[in-house]
Amino acid sequence: MSAFKISIQQFDTPYEVAPEVLVLEGSSGHEQVQNWHSFDAFIYDCIVKAKSVLKESDVQQPLIWLLPALPFQTDHKTLFINSLQQRYGIAVEQMIFEGANAIHSAIALAKEQNFSAFDVIAIDGVFKASKHNGFEYLGIAACKAYVEFTQVGWALQSTSMCSSVDIAKHQPIHAELERVLSLNEQKIDLVFAPGNGLESDDWVSYLPVLSKKINEQTMFQLPNYKLGKMGAIEGVVNLASLANSSLYAERFGQALIISQEYNKYQAVASYLWISKEMCN
């Protein structure tokens, strides 16, 4: 099992603040709201943004793209794949259309491919809750990060995503949380939760499944109420918050990162802290 470290090298969002500032303090609240035209226009804007982030001559391998969750939009996914392949010649498996969960799948893919280090580029839309119980569209964001495997640090234990057109009915996260119970006997110290003020918080009702592993000492982080809904960028920011915080290092042994996009998917990634003693 390989631990990793992650550093965010480029962070281009409508918030115009560094990711650590956004997580700790939230946005300024002065972002300009964009007109939402259509999902087709959104995908086109994502493709344009992707091409602006990376020049053909700057492609360094290995590189994994983290892209909007498109579990049921085959035509849009094909358009995205063809556009990036024509420009960069990237393998299909290195384009992950899972939104916030994409970074965890990228870590798993990199381990399978025996990468010692790799770059990720995340592209997705940014949405924020409005005062009228709806959402405001703020535009397309991009994030570039560098991931390097190490001996000490947080290591991916498992990641699993389940797509659903009706999360409230199918409750896919229930089965994912039950699976987490079978991974080890270790208690869960930290949970990154997916609430963002825009989508349902039904996932909270499934937490009793983990009652044997969580207690009053378990820390729950709700960063996305400040982030809003940022999809693939949200996943990178949350994982960087876990990996780079001295508060969590050594103090905690197991962390869960739960992610979801309503009526698209729910997912759970489990991370274990690998210490120097465990390596020796």
Protein backbone atom coordinates (compact mmCIF):
# COMPACT_ATOMS: atom_id res chain seq x y z
CA MET A 1 0.00 0.00 0.00
CA SER A 2 1.54 3.32 -1.07
CA ALA A 3 1.00 6.62 0.69
CA PHE A 4 1.08 9.83 -1.30
CA LYS A 5 1.48 13.55 -1.12
CA ILE A 6 -0.40 16.03 -3.28
CA SER A 7 0.29 19.65 -4.11
CA ILE A 8 -2.06 21.99 -5.96
CA GLN A 9 -0.04 23.91 -8.54
CA GLN A 10 -2.76 25.80 -10.38
CA PHE A 11 -6.17 26.86 -9.08
CA ASP A 12 -8.35 28.80 -11.49
CA THR A 13 -11.86 29.30 -10.14
CA PRO A 14 -14.46 32.09 -10.04
CA TYR A 15 -13.61 32.55 -6.35
CA GLU A 16 -10.17 33.98 -7.15
CA VAL A 17 -8.67 32.79 -3.86
CA ALA A 18 -6.20 30.04 -2.97
CA PRO A 19 -7.75 26.65 -2.13
CA GLU A 20 -6.65 26.75 1.53
CA VAL A 21 -8.29 30.18 1.92
CA LEU A 22 -11.47 28.91 0.29
CA VAL A 23 -11.64 25.90 2.62
CA LEU A 24 -10.94 27.88 5.80
CA GLU A 25 -12.72 31.15 5.11
CA GLY A 26 -15.09 30.54 2.22
CA SER A 27 -15.57 32.87 -0.72
CA SER A 28 -15.87 36.65 -0.64
CA GLY A 29 -19.45 36.46 -1.84
CA HIS A 30 -18.79 38.89 -4.68
CA GLU A 31 -18.48 36.33 -7.49
CA GLN A 32 -20.23 37.17 -10.73
CA VAL A 33 -23.18 34.92 -11.52
CA GLN A 34 -23.17 33.47 -15.04
CA ASN A 35 -26.17 32.65 -17.21
CA TRP A 36 -26.88 28.94 -17.41
CA HIS A 37 -27.73 28.20 -21.04
CA SER A 38 -27.86 24.42 -21.39
CA PHE A 39 -25.99 21.27 -20.47
CA ASP A 40 -24.63 21.09 -24.03
CA ALA A 41 -23.18 24.59 -23.64
CA PHE A 42 -21.71 23.62 -20.27
CA ILE A 43 -19.86 20.63 -21.77
CA TYR A 44 -18.57 22.80 -24.62
CA ASP A 45 -17.29 25.37 -22.12
CA CYS A 46 -15.56 22.60 -20.13
CA ILE A 47 -13.78 21.41 -23.28
CA VAL A 48 -12.67 24.96 -24.12
CA LYS A 49 -11.41 25.40 -20.54
CA ALA A 50 -9.49 22.12 -20.70
CA LYS A 51 -7.71 23.18 -23.87
CA SER A 52 -6.80 26.55 -22.34
CA VAL A 53 -5.24 24.98 -19.25
CA LEU A 54 -2.67 22.83 -21.04
CA LYS A 55 -0.75 23.49 -24.24
CA GLU A 56 -0.02 20.50 -26.47
CA SER A 57 3.70 21.10 -26.01
CA ASP A 58 3.35 21.04 -22.20
CA VAL A 59 1.91 17.53 -21.90
CA GLN A 60 3.88 15.55 -19.34
CA GLN A 61 3.18 11.91 -18.79
CA PRO A 62 1.66 10.40 -16.84
CA LEU A 63 -1.32 12.77 -16.81
CA ILE A 64 -4.84 11.98 -15.65
CA TRP A 65 -7.84 14.21 -16.41
CA LEU A 66 -10.56 14.57 -13.76
CA LEU A 67 -13.77 15.56 -15.48
CA PRO A 68 -17.47 16.22 -14.78
CA ALA A 69 -19.58 13.27 -13.67
CA LEU A 70 -21.28 11.91 -16.81
CA PRO A 71 -22.55 8.44 -15.83
CA PHE A 72 -25.50 8.51 -18.22
CA GLN A 73 -24.44 11.07 -20.85
CA THR A 74 -22.60 8.85 -23.34
CA ASP A 75 -22.74 11.36 -26.21
CA HIS A 76 -21.26 14.16 -24.09
CA LYS A 77 -18.56 11.85 -22.76
CA THR A 78 -17.65 10.75 -26.29
CA LEU A 79 -17.41 14.37 -27.43
CA PHE A 80 -15.10 15.18 -24.51
CA ILE A 81 -12.92 12.11 -25.13
CA ASN A 82 -12.56 12.79 -28.84
CA SER A 83 -11.66 16.44 -28.26
CA LEU A 84 -8.92 15.68 -25.72
CA GLN A 85 -7.56 12.72 -27.65
CA GLN A 86 -7.24 14.75 -30.83
CA ARG A 87 -5.34 17.48 -29.00
CA TYR A 88 -3.25 15.52 -26.51
CA GLY A 89 -3.33 11.86 -27.57
CA ILE A 90 -4.41 10.73 -24.09
CA ALA A 91 -5.58 7.16 -23.40
CA VAL A 92 -9.29 6.83 -22.65
CA GLU A 93 -8.65 5.28 -19.23
CA GLN A 94 -6.77 8.43 -18.20
CA MET A 95 -9.94 10.51 -18.54
CA ILE A 96 -12.16 9.94 -15.50
CA PHE A 97 -15.73 11.28 -15.69
CA GLU A 98 -16.66 10.99 -12.02
CA GLY A 99 -16.78 14.55 -10.72
CA ALA A 100 -15.68 14.78 -7.07
CA ASN A 101 -14.85 11.07 -6.90
CA ALA A 102 -12.47 11.24 -9.88
CA ILE A 103 -9.35 12.01 -7.82
CA HIS A 104 -9.79 8.81 -5.79
CA SER A 105 -10.18 6.74 -8.95
CA ALA A 106 -7.05 8.46 -10.29
CA ILE A 107 -5.06 7.41 -7.20
CA ALA A 108 -6.28 3.82 -7.68
CA LEU A 109 -5.43 3.88 -11.41
CA ALA A 110 -1.96 5.26 -10.75
CA LYS A 111 -1.27 2.47 -8.25
CA GLU A 112 -2.42 -0.14 -10.78
CA GLN A 113 -0.16 1.37 -13.43
CA ASN A 114 2.78 1.57 -10.98
CA PHE A 115 3.20 5.32 -11.46
CA SER A 116 5.68 6.81 -9.01
CA ALA A 117 4.16 10.26 -9.60
CA PHE A 118 1.62 11.85 -11.91
CA ASP A 119 -0.18 15.08 -12.74
CA VAL A 120 -3.93 15.60 -12.59
CA ILE A 121 -5.99 18.29 -14.25
CA ALA A 122 -9.54 18.76 -12.96
CA ILE A 123 -12.22 20.60 -14.96
CA ASP A 124 -15.79 21.18 -13.77
CA GLY A 125 -18.51 23.74 -13.13
CA VAL A 126 -18.96 25.80 -9.96
CA PHE A 127 -22.38 26.25 -8.41
CA LYS A 128 -23.37 27.93 -5.19
CA ALA A 129 -26.59 27.93 -3.20
CA SER A 130 -28.75 31.02 -3.69
CA LYS A 131 -31.06 32.78 -1.28
CA HIS A 132 -34.04 31.43 -3.21
CA ASN A 133 -33.48 27.71 -2.46
CA GLY A 134 -31.89 27.22 -5.85
CA PHE A 135 -28.41 27.58 -7.20
CA GLU A 136 -26.28 30.12 -8.97
CA TYR A 137 -23.89 29.11 -11.74
CA LEU A 138 -20.50 30.79 -11.41
CA GLY A 139 -18.72 29.31 -14.42
CA ILE A 140 -16.03 26.71 -15.21
CA ALA A 141 -13.09 26.04 -12.90
CA ALA A 142 -9.78 24.26 -13.45
CA CYS A 143 -7.23 22.82 -11.07
CA LYS A 144 -3.84 21.22 -11.68
CA ALA A 145 -2.10 19.13 -9.04
CA TYR A 146 0.96 16.93 -8.70
CA VAL A 147 0.71 13.59 -6.85
CA GLU A 148 3.75 11.63 -5.71
CA PHE A 149 3.71 8.27 -3.95
CA THR A 150 5.67 8.07 -0.69
CA GLN A 151 6.22 5.64 2.18
CA VAL A 152 4.62 7.76 4.90
CA GLY A 153 1.26 9.53 4.76
CA TRP A 154 -2.31 8.78 3.79
CA ALA A 155 -2.81 5.74 1.56
CA LEU A 156 -5.91 4.77 -0.41
CA GLN A 157 -7.47 1.62 1.03
CA SER A 158 -10.48 1.45 -1.27
CA THR A 159 -12.72 3.54 -3.47
CA SER A 160 -16.10 2.71 -4.92
CA MET A 161 -18.72 4.66 -6.84
CA CYS A 162 -22.30 3.70 -7.62
CA SER A 163 -24.32 5.57 -10.24
CA SER A 164 -28.06 6.06 -9.85
CA VAL A 165 -30.78 8.08 -11.56
CA ASP A 166 -32.71 8.18 -8.26
CA ILE A 167 -30.44 8.26 -5.23
CA ALA A 168 -33.31 8.71 -2.77
CA LYS A 169 -34.92 5.50 -4.02
CA HIS A 170 -31.89 3.30 -4.61
CA GLN A 171 -29.78 4.45 -1.64
CA PRO A 172 -26.51 3.32 -3.26
CA ILE A 173 -24.33 4.70 -0.48
CA HIS A 174 -25.90 2.29 2.01
CA ALA A 175 -24.15 -0.65 0.34
CA GLU A 176 -20.91 1.31 0.00
CA LEU A 177 -20.83 2.10 3.72
CA GLU A 178 -21.55 -1.54 4.59
CA ARG A 179 -18.57 -2.53 2.44
CA VAL A 180 -16.36 -0.11 4.40
CA LEU A 181 -17.22 -2.02 7.59
CA SER A 182 -15.63 -5.16 6.18
CA LEU A 183 -12.29 -3.55 5.31
CA ASN A 184 -10.74 -3.65 8.79
CA GLU A 185 -11.50 -3.41 12.51
CA GLN A 186 -10.09 0.10 12.84
CA LYS A 187 -12.36 2.92 13.94
CA ILE A 188 -13.10 5.83 11.60
CA ASP A 189 -11.56 9.02 12.92
CA LEU A 190 -12.49 11.50 10.21
CA VAL A 191 -15.28 11.86 7.65
CA PHE A 192 -15.31 14.37 4.80
CA ALA A 193 -19.01 14.76 4.04
CA PRO A 194 -20.63 15.85 0.75
CA GLY A 195 -23.20 18.41 1.91
CA ASN A 196 -23.02 21.60 -0.15
CA GLY A 197 -26.30 23.42 0.45
CA LEU A 198 -27.54 22.63 -3.06
CA GLU A 199 -28.30 18.93 -2.99
CA SER A 200 -30.06 16.53 -0.63
CA ASP A 201 -28.36 15.53 2.62
CA ASP A 202 -30.01 12.08 2.58
CA TRP A 203 -26.59 10.49 3.11
CA VAL A 204 -26.75 11.51 6.79
CA SER A 205 -29.55 8.98 7.41
CA TYR A 206 -27.28 6.13 6.30
CA LEU A 207 -24.49 6.84 8.80
CA PRO A 208 -25.94 4.47 11.45
CA VAL A 209 -24.60 1.70 9.22
CA LEU A 210 -21.16 2.74 10.49
CA SER A 211 -22.22 2.88 14.16
CA LYS A 212 -19.60 0.27 15.14
CA LYS A 213 -16.82 2.42 13.73
CA ILE A 214 -17.86 5.99 14.53
CA ASN A 215 -18.53 7.65 17.86
CA GLU A 216 -18.61 11.06 19.51
CA GLN A 217 -14.87 11.37 18.88
CA THR A 218 -15.24 11.04 15.10
CA MET A 219 -14.58 14.36 13.37
CA PHE A 220 -16.91 15.41 10.55
CA GLN A 221 -15.72 17.95 8.02
CA LEU A 222 -18.25 19.80 5.88
CA PRO A 223 -16.01 21.86 3.58
CA ASN A 224 -18.39 21.96 0.66
CA TYR A 225 -20.82 24.35 2.30
CA LYS A 226 -18.06 26.92 1.77
CA LEU A 227 -16.87 25.49 -1.55
CA GLY A 228 -20.30 25.12 -3.09
CA LYS A 229 -20.61 22.42 -5.72
CA MET A 230 -17.32 22.18 -7.62
CA GLY A 231 -17.33 18.58 -8.87
CA ALA A 232 -13.87 17.33 -9.87
CA ILE A 233 -12.16 20.37 -8.32
CA GLU A 234 -13.94 19.70 -5.03
CA GLY A 235 -12.44 16.21 -4.93
CA VAL A 236 -8.89 17.50 -5.37
CA VAL A 237 -9.32 20.23 -2.74
CA ASN A 238 -10.78 17.83 -0.17
CA LEU A 239 -8.03 15.25 -0.70
CA ALA A 240 -5.33 17.92 -0.48
CA SER A 241 -6.93 19.14 2.76
CA LEU A 242 -6.68 15.62 4.18
CA ALA A 243 -3.14 14.94 2.97
CA ASN A 244 -1.59 18.29 3.86
CA SER A 245 -3.10 19.01 7.26
CA SER A 246 -0.81 18.59 10.25
CA LEU A 247 -3.98 18.28 12.35
CA TYR A 248 -4.79 14.92 10.77
CA ALA A 249 -1.25 13.54 10.34
CA GLU A 250 -0.31 10.90 12.94
CA ARG A 251 -3.35 11.83 15.04
CA PHE A 252 -5.88 9.91 12.92
CA GLY A 253 -5.67 6.42 11.49
CA GLN A 254 -8.61 6.10 9.12
CA ALA A 255 -10.59 8.65 7.10
CA LEU A 256 -13.57 8.44 4.78
CA ILE A 257 -14.32 10.86 1.98
CA ILE A 258 -17.95 10.65 0.88
CA SER A 259 -18.93 12.33 -2.37
CA GLN A 260 -22.10 12.59 -4.38
CA GLU A 261 -23.88 14.43 -7.14
CA TYR A 262 -27.59 14.06 -6.78
CA ASN A 263 -29.23 11.62 -9.20
CA LYS A 264 -25.81 10.87 -10.69
CA TYR A 265 -23.79 8.93 -8.12
CA GLN A 266 -22.69 8.40 -4.54
CA ALA A 267 -19.19 7.26 -3.65
CA VAL A 268 -16.96 6.47 -0.69
CA ALA A 269 -13.16 6.46 -0.54
CA SER A 270 -11.31 5.07 2.48
CA TYR A 271 -7.81 6.21 3.48
CA LEU A 272 -5.41 4.83 6.11
CA TRP A 273 -2.52 6.67 7.72
CA ILE A 274 0.80 4.92 7.11
CA SER A 275 3.41 5.83 9.73
CA LYS A 276 7.18 5.36 9.72
CA GLU A 277 6.78 2.53 12.22
CA MET A 278 4.41 0.67 9.88
CA CYS A 279 6.94 1.00 7.05
CA ASN A 280 9.77 -0.48 9.14
